[in-house]
C-alpha cells in the first residue's frame, strides 16, 4: 500500500493505492483519473459544481469524486467490493476537505439495478472504464439508468485496445451524443498524455 498526493486548488488530496493488488484495475491511481480531475478543476466555474449530484462509476481510488467533494458537489462513488476498502480509506483521509456534503461510497456492479442509487444524477463520470468487450453492455445499461437528457457525462480513457473502444463508441452512439474534448481545453500539463476525455449527452 502506498500514498499518492494530488495537488488540487482546494488543498492536497491524499489517496491510498495498492498497485500490487492484481485482482482489480481499480487499486491504482491511473493517468486518466488525473487528467479528468484537472479538466474538471480547470473548468470549475463553467460547470458550477456546488450542490450538483455526482455519480462515479468504477471509481477505483476515487480521485475525481474526491476533488468534486471539495468544491461542494454531492458525490457518490461506486465500484465492486474488491476496491471498496480503498474508496472508504481515501474518503476518510480527505473528509476534512469536503464541504458541505460528505462523499459517499457504495458497492455497485454495472448492468445491475441502479434504482437504489436514487438516480438521476446531474453529472456522471468514469475513468478507464473501457477495457473489456463484455463490460460494454453493462456499462451503457448503467449510464442509461442513472442519467436523463439534462445529465452531463464525462468519460476519460487511455485507449489500450482500439477494437474494444471502437465497439464501445458504436454502441454508445445509439443512445448518446458523444463529443471529444479538445486538447486545448485540458490542463496544459495533460496535452501530451495519451488520454482522451469525452462528453456525453442522452439523445
C-alpha atoms as a PDB file:
ATOM      1  CA  UNK A   1       0.000   0.000   0.000  1.00  0.00           C
ATOM      2  CA  UNK A   2       1.314   3.449  -0.905  1.00  0.00           C
ATOM      3  CA  UNK A   3       0.033   7.026  -0.630  1.00  0.00           C
ATOM      4  CA  UNK A   4      -0.291   9.362  -3.604  1.00  0.00           C
ATOM      5  CA  UNK A   5      -0.742  13.135  -3.313  1.00  0.00           C
ATOM      6  CA  UNK A   6      -2.741  15.119  -5.852  1.00  0.00           C
ATOM      7  CA  UNK A   7      -2.214  18.870  -5.635  1.00  0.00           C
ATOM      8  CA  UNK A   8      -5.657  20.408  -6.090  1.00  0.00           C
ATOM      9  CA  UNK A   9      -6.628  24.071  -5.932  1.00  0.00           C
ATOM     10  CA  UNK A  10      -8.679  23.271  -2.821  1.00  0.00           C
ATOM     11  CA  UNK A  11      -5.828  21.536  -0.977  1.00  0.00           C
ATOM     12  CA  UNK A  12      -3.779  18.366  -1.288  1.00  0.00           C
ATOM     13  CA  UNK A  13      -5.869  15.239  -1.833  1.00  0.00           C
ATOM     14  CA  UNK A  14      -4.286  12.101  -0.381  1.00  0.00           C
ATOM     15  CA  UNK A  15      -5.004   8.760  -1.975  1.00  0.00           C
ATOM     16  CA  UNK A  16      -4.061   5.316  -0.832  1.00  0.00           C
ATOM     17  CA  UNK A  17      -3.415   2.927  -3.701  1.00  0.00           C
ATOM     18  CA  UNK A  18      -2.377  -0.682  -3.882  1.00  0.00           C
ATOM     19  CA  UNK A  19      -0.666  -1.288  -7.245  1.00  0.00           C
ATOM     20  CA  UNK A  20       0.444  -4.750  -6.112  1.00  0.00           C
ATOM     21  CA  UNK A  21      -3.195  -5.859  -5.909  1.00  0.00           C
ATOM     22  CA  UNK A  22      -3.633  -7.631  -9.232  1.00  0.00           C
ATOM     23  CA  UNK A  23      -7.247  -8.613  -8.511  1.00  0.00           C
ATOM     24  CA  UNK A  24      -8.593  -5.262  -9.698  1.00  0.00           C
ATOM     25  CA  UNK A  25      -7.633  -2.440 -12.061  1.00  0.00           C
ATOM     26  CA  UNK A  26      -9.178  -0.051  -9.523  1.00  0.00           C
ATOM     27  CA  UNK A  27      -6.393  -0.313  -6.951  1.00  0.00           C
ATOM     28  CA  UNK A  28      -4.119   2.215  -8.696  1.00  0.00           C
ATOM     29  CA  UNK A  29      -4.412   5.932  -9.484  1.00  0.00           C
ATOM     30  CA  UNK A  30      -4.340   5.946 -13.300  1.00  0.00           C
ATOM     31  CA  UNK A  31      -3.419   8.927 -15.523  1.00  0.00           C
ATOM     32  CA  UNK A  32      -6.985   9.063 -16.867  1.00  0.00           C
ATOM     33  CA  UNK A  33      -8.319   9.990 -13.423  1.00  0.00           C
ATOM     34  CA  UNK A  34      -5.734  12.754 -13.023  1.00  0.00           C
ATOM     35  CA  UNK A  35      -6.465  14.152 -16.494  1.00  0.00           C
ATOM     36  CA  UNK A  36     -10.216  14.225 -15.828  1.00  0.00           C
ATOM     37  CA  UNK A  37      -9.743  15.791 -12.395  1.00  0.00           C
ATOM     38  CA  UNK A  38      -7.563  18.554 -13.788  1.00  0.00           C
ATOM     39  CA  UNK A  39     -10.083  19.142 -16.601  1.00  0.00           C
ATOM     40  CA  UNK A  40     -12.916  19.487 -14.086  1.00  0.00           C
ATOM     41  CA  UNK A  41     -10.750  21.773 -11.935  1.00  0.00           C
ATOM     42  CA  UNK A  42      -9.812  23.974 -14.906  1.00  0.00           C
ATOM     43  CA  UNK A  43     -13.484  24.320 -15.916  1.00  0.00           C
ATOM     44  CA  UNK A  44     -14.858  24.571 -12.373  1.00  0.00           C
ATOM     45  CA  UNK A  45     -16.648  27.892 -12.898  1.00  0.00           C
ATOM     46  CA  UNK A  46     -18.287  26.675 -16.119  1.00  0.00           C
ATOM     47  CA  UNK A  47     -19.864  23.593 -14.529  1.00  0.00           C
ATOM     48  CA  UNK A  48     -20.962  25.205 -11.248  1.00  0.00           C
ATOM     49  CA  UNK A  49     -20.392  22.092  -9.107  1.00  0.00           C
ATOM     50  CA  UNK A  50     -21.745  23.189  -5.680  1.00  0.00           C
ATOM     51  CA  UNK A  51     -24.899  21.220  -4.898  1.00  0.00           C
ATOM     52  CA  UNK A  52     -24.711  19.082  -8.060  1.00  0.00           C
ATOM     53  CA  UNK A  53     -25.356  15.359  -7.599  1.00  0.00           C
ATOM     54  CA  UNK A  54     -22.388  13.436  -8.980  1.00  0.00           C
ATOM     55  CA  UNK A  55     -22.039   9.684  -9.539  1.00  0.00           C
ATOM     56  CA  UNK A  56     -18.750   7.988 -10.374  1.00  0.00           C
ATOM     57  CA  UNK A  57     -18.899   4.538 -11.964  1.00  0.00           C
ATOM     58  CA  UNK A  58     -15.888   2.269 -11.472  1.00  0.00           C
ATOM     59  CA  UNK A  59     -14.351   4.831  -9.137  1.00  0.00           C
ATOM     60  CA  UNK A  60     -11.222   2.855  -8.201  1.00  0.00           C
ATOM     61  CA  UNK A  61      -9.260   5.167  -5.896  1.00  0.00           C
ATOM     62  CA  UNK A  62     -11.859   7.908  -6.383  1.00  0.00           C
ATOM     63  CA  UNK A  63      -9.760  10.965  -7.277  1.00  0.00           C
ATOM     64  CA  UNK A  64     -12.272  12.918  -9.445  1.00  0.00           C
ATOM     65  CA  UNK A  65     -15.125  12.479  -6.954  1.00  0.00           C
ATOM     66  CA  UNK A  66     -12.909  13.370  -4.025  1.00  0.00           C
ATOM     67  CA  UNK A  67     -11.931  16.587  -5.795  1.00  0.00           C
ATOM     68  CA  UNK A  68     -15.544  17.436  -6.632  1.00  0.00           C
ATOM     69  CA  UNK A  69     -16.435  16.834  -2.987  1.00  0.00           C
ATOM     70  CA  UNK A  70     -14.015  19.612  -2.034  1.00  0.00           C
ATOM     71  CA  UNK A  71     -15.851  22.130  -4.232  1.00  0.00           C
ATOM     72  CA  UNK A  72     -19.326  21.456  -2.880  1.00  0.00           C
ATOM     73  CA  UNK A  73     -20.663  18.674  -5.096  1.00  0.00           C
ATOM     74  CA  UNK A  74     -22.762  15.882  -3.567  1.00  0.00           C
ATOM     75  CA  UNK A  75     -20.742  12.852  -4.715  1.00  0.00           C
ATOM     76  CA  UNK A  76     -21.383   9.121  -4.675  1.00  0.00           C
ATOM     77  CA  UNK A  77     -18.507   6.819  -5.646  1.00  0.00           C
ATOM     78  CA  UNK A  78     -19.276   3.273  -6.769  1.00  0.00           C
ATOM     79  CA  UNK A  79     -17.209   0.211  -7.525  1.00  0.00           C
ATOM     80  CA  UNK A  80     -17.001  -3.509  -6.858  1.00  0.00           C
ATOM     81  CA  UNK A  81     -16.425  -4.945  -3.399  1.00  0.00           C
ATOM     82  CA  UNK A  82     -12.749  -5.645  -4.174  1.00  0.00           C
ATOM     83  CA  UNK A  83     -11.830  -1.935  -4.083  1.00  0.00           C
ATOM     84  CA  UNK A  84     -14.421  -0.529  -1.686  1.00  0.00           C
ATOM     85  CA  UNK A  85     -11.775  -0.625   1.063  1.00  0.00           C
ATOM     86  CA  UNK A  86      -9.663   1.886  -0.908  1.00  0.00           C
ATOM     87  CA  UNK A  87     -12.602   4.208  -1.521  1.00  0.00           C
ATOM     88  CA  UNK A  88     -13.530   4.151   2.159  1.00  0.00           C
ATOM     89  CA  UNK A  89      -9.931   4.797   3.177  1.00  0.00           C
ATOM     90  CA  UNK A  90      -9.492   7.682   0.743  1.00  0.00           C
ATOM     91  CA  UNK A  91     -12.793   9.228   1.778  1.00  0.00           C
ATOM     92  CA  UNK A  92     -11.720   9.179   5.418  1.00  0.00           C
ATOM     93  CA  UNK A  93      -8.282  10.596   4.564  1.00  0.00           C
ATOM     94  CA  UNK A  94      -9.835  13.640   2.895  1.00  0.00           C
ATOM     95  CA  UNK A  95     -13.038  14.109   4.903  1.00  0.00           C
ATOM     96  CA  UNK A  96     -11.782  17.428   6.305  1.00  0.00           C
ATOM     97  CA  UNK A  97     -11.863  18.888   2.779  1.00  0.00           C
ATOM     98  CA  UNK A  98     -15.492  18.096   1.967  1.00  0.00           C
ATOM     99  CA  UNK A  99     -17.982  20.938   2.297  1.00  0.00           C
ATOM    100  CA  UNK A 100     -20.905  20.760   2.808  1.00  0.00           C
ATOM    101  CA  UNK A 101     -21.624  17.197   1.612  1.00  0.00           C
ATOM    102  CA  UNK A 102     -19.746  14.078   2.720  1.00  0.00           C
ATOM    103  CA  UNK A 103     -18.590  11.871  -0.158  1.00  0.00           C
ATOM    104  CA  UNK A 104     -20.465   8.563  -0.147  1.00  0.00           C
ATOM    105  CA  UNK A 105     -19.122   5.117  -1.063  1.00  0.00           C
ATOM    106  CA  UNK A 106     -21.491   2.450  -2.439  1.00  0.00           C
ATOM    107  CA  UNK A 107     -20.861  -1.026  -3.837  1.00  0.00           C
ATOM    108  CA  UNK A 108     -22.366  -1.342  -7.310  1.00  0.00           C
ATOM    109  CA  UNK A 109     -21.781  -3.549 -10.358  1.00  0.00           C
ATOM    110  CA  UNK A 110     -22.515  -2.253 -13.841  1.00  0.00           C
ATOM    111  CA  UNK A 111     -25.652  -3.503 -15.509  1.00  0.00           C
ATOM    112  CA  UNK A 112     -27.457  -4.302 -12.282  1.00  0.00           C
ATOM    113  CA  UNK A 113     -30.470  -2.411 -10.968  1.00  0.00           C
ATOM    114  CA  UNK A 114     -29.325   1.119 -10.100  1.00  0.00           C
ATOM    115  CA  UNK A 115     -32.586   2.354  -8.567  1.00  0.00           C
ATOM    116  CA  UNK A 116     -31.134   2.146  -5.043  1.00  0.00           C
ATOM    117  CA  UNK A 117     -28.612   4.818  -6.069  1.00  0.00           C
ATOM    118  CA  UNK A 118     -31.539   7.262  -6.351  1.00  0.00           C
ATOM    119  CA  UNK A 119     -30.967   8.483  -9.912  1.00  0.00           C
ATOM    120  CA  UNK A 120     -30.937  10.582 -11.951  1.00  0.00           C
ATOM    121  CA  UNK A 121     -27.658  12.440 -11.405  1.00  0.00           C
ATOM    122  CA  UNK A 122     -26.598  15.843 -12.662  1.00  0.00           C
ATOM    123  CA  UNK A 123     -23.107  14.597 -13.521  1.00  0.00           C
ATOM    124  CA  UNK A 124     -21.814  11.070 -14.121  1.00  0.00           C
ATOM    125  CA  UNK A 125     -18.101  10.342 -14.525  1.00  0.00           C
ATOM    126  CA  UNK A 126     -15.926   7.347 -15.313  1.00  0.00           C
ATOM    127  CA  UNK A 127     -12.184   6.838 -15.809  1.00  0.00           C
ATOM    128  CA  UNK A 128     -10.607   3.954 -17.737  1.00  0.00           C
ATOM    129  CA  UNK A 129     -13.956   2.171 -17.829  1.00  0.00           C
ATOM    130  CA  UNK A 130     -13.458   0.785 -21.350  1.00  0.00           C
ATOM    131  CA  UNK A 131     -11.096  -2.180 -21.416  1.00  0.00           C
ATOM    132  CA  UNK A 132     -13.137  -5.375 -21.944  1.00  0.00           C
ATOM    133  CA  UNK A 133     -15.799  -6.186 -24.533  1.00  0.00           C
ATOM    134  CA  UNK A 134     -18.061  -7.956 -22.059  1.00  0.00           C
ATOM    135  CA  UNK A 135     -18.275  -4.822 -19.881  1.00  0.00           C
ATOM    136  CA  UNK A 136     -19.561  -2.522 -22.630  1.00  0.00           C
ATOM    137  CA  UNK A 137     -23.224  -3.516 -22.482  1.00  0.00           C
ATOM    138  CA  UNK A 138     -23.417  -3.427 -18.645  1.00  0.00           C
ATOM    139  CA  UNK A 139     -21.692  -0.028 -18.541  1.00  0.00           C
ATOM    140  CA  UNK A 140     -24.069   1.503 -21.082  1.00  0.00           C
ATOM    141  CA  UNK A 141     -27.022  -0.020 -19.233  1.00  0.00           C
ATOM    142  CA  UNK A 142     -25.880   1.715 -16.047  1.00  0.00           C
ATOM    143  CA  UNK A 143     -25.333   5.025 -17.841  1.00  0.00           C
ATOM    144  CA  UNK A 144     -28.879   4.880 -19.167  1.00  0.00           C
ATOM    145  CA  UNK A 145     -30.291   4.063 -15.732  1.00  0.00           C
ATOM    146  CA  UNK A 146     -28.624   6.949 -13.879  1.00  0.00           C
ATOM    147  CA  UNK A 147     -28.975   9.807 -16.389  1.00  0.00           C
ATOM    148  CA  UNK A 148     -31.553  11.918 -18.183  1.00  0.00           C
ATOM    149  CA  UNK A 149     -31.243  14.267 -21.154  1.00  0.00           C
ATOM    150  CA  UNK A 150     -30.155  17.025 -18.765  1.00  0.00           C
ATOM    151  CA  UNK A 151     -27.303  14.996 -17.238  1.00  0.00           C
ATOM    152  CA  UNK A 152     -23.665  15.677 -18.136  1.00  0.00           C
ATOM    153  CA  UNK A 153     -21.421  12.634 -18.562  1.00  0.00           C
ATOM    154  CA  UNK A 154     -17.623  12.647 -18.736  1.00  0.00           C
ATOM    155  CA  UNK A 155     -15.576   9.596 -19.687  1.00  0.00           C
ATOM    156  CA  UNK A 156     -11.770   9.710 -19.527  1.00  0.00           C
ATOM    157  CA  UNK A 157      -9.898   6.854 -21.182  1.00  0.00           C
ATOM    158  CA  UNK A 158      -6.480   5.784 -22.319  1.00  0.00           C
ATOM    159  CA  UNK A 159      -7.078   3.736 -25.447  1.00  0.00           C
ATOM    160  CA  UNK A 160      -5.183   0.492 -24.918  1.00  0.00           C
ATOM    161  CA  UNK A 161      -7.271  -1.728 -27.219  1.00  0.00           C
ATOM    162  CA  UNK A 162      -8.664   0.208 -30.192  1.00  0.00           C
ATOM    163  CA  UNK A 163     -11.008  -2.621 -31.187  1.00  0.00           C
ATOM    164  CA  UNK A 164     -12.710  -2.562 -27.784  1.00  0.00           C
ATOM    165  CA  UNK A 165     -13.008   1.220 -27.858  1.00  0.00           C
ATOM    166  CA  UNK A 166     -14.459   1.154 -31.372  1.00  0.00           C
ATOM    167  CA  UNK A 167     -17.218  -1.215 -30.274  1.00  0.00           C
ATOM    168  CA  UNK A 168     -17.843   0.897 -27.174  1.00  0.00           C
ATOM    169  CA  UNK A 169     -18.346   4.086 -29.163  1.00  0.00           C
ATOM    170  CA  UNK A 170     -20.500   2.350 -31.779  1.00  0.00           C
ATOM    171  CA  UNK A 171     -22.826   1.109 -29.054  1.00  0.00           C
ATOM    172  CA  UNK A 172     -22.651   4.360 -27.108  1.00  0.00           C
ATOM    173  CA  UNK A 173     -23.714   6.463 -30.100  1.00  0.00           C
ATOM    174  CA  UNK A 174     -27.008   4.549 -30.270  1.00  0.00           C
ATOM    175  CA  UNK A 175     -28.049   6.334 -27.065  1.00  0.00           C
ATOM    176  CA  UNK A 176     -25.739   9.336 -26.562  1.00  0.00           C
ATOM    177  CA  UNK A 177     -24.272  12.258 -28.419  1.00  0.00           C
ATOM    178  CA  UNK A 178     -20.510  11.840 -27.981  1.00  0.00           C
ATOM    179  CA  UNK A 179     -18.037  14.720 -28.193  1.00  0.00           C
ATOM    180  CA  UNK A 180     -14.283  14.535 -27.685  1.00  0.00           C
ATOM    181  CA  UNK A 181     -12.959  17.364 -25.519  1.00  0.00           C
ATOM    182  CA  UNK A 182     -10.263  19.263 -27.484  1.00  0.00           C
ATOM    183  CA  UNK A 183      -6.769  19.033 -26.003  1.00  0.00           C
ATOM    184  CA  UNK A 184      -6.790  22.848 -25.774  1.00  0.00           C
ATOM    185  CA  UNK A 185      -9.468  22.613 -23.063  1.00  0.00           C
ATOM    186  CA  UNK A 186      -7.457  20.207 -20.915  1.00  0.00           C
ATOM    187  CA  UNK A 187      -4.904  21.316 -18.361  1.00  0.00           C
ATOM    188  CA  UNK A 188      -1.694  22.291 -20.209  1.00  0.00           C
ATOM    189  CA  UNK A 189       0.334  19.576 -18.480  1.00  0.00           C
ATOM    190  CA  UNK A 190      -2.025  16.919 -19.865  1.00  0.00           C
ATOM    191  CA  UNK A 191      -1.864  17.816 -23.547  1.00  0.00           C
ATOM    192  CA  UNK A 192       0.855  15.222 -24.193  1.00  0.00           C
ATOM    193  CA  UNK A 193      -0.889  12.485 -22.187  1.00  0.00           C
ATOM    194  CA  UNK A 194      -2.300   9.557 -24.227  1.00  0.00           C
ATOM    195  CA  UNK A 195      -5.652  10.131 -22.534  1.00  0.00           C
ATOM    196  CA  UNK A 196      -8.863  11.391 -24.137  1.00  0.00           C
ATOM    197  CA  UNK A 197     -11.836  12.950 -22.358  1.00  0.00           C
ATOM    198  CA  UNK A 198     -15.303  12.592 -23.862  1.00  0.00           C
ATOM    199  CA  UNK A 199     -18.515  14.452 -23.076  1.00  0.00           C
ATOM    200  CA  UNK A 200     -21.798  12.554 -23.458  1.00  0.00           C
ATOM    201  CA  UNK A 201     -25.415  13.659 -23.644  1.00  0.00           C
ATOM    202  CA  UNK A 202     -28.505  11.473 -23.897  1.00  0.00           C
ATOM    203  CA  UNK A 203     -30.191  11.542 -27.298  1.00  0.00           C
END
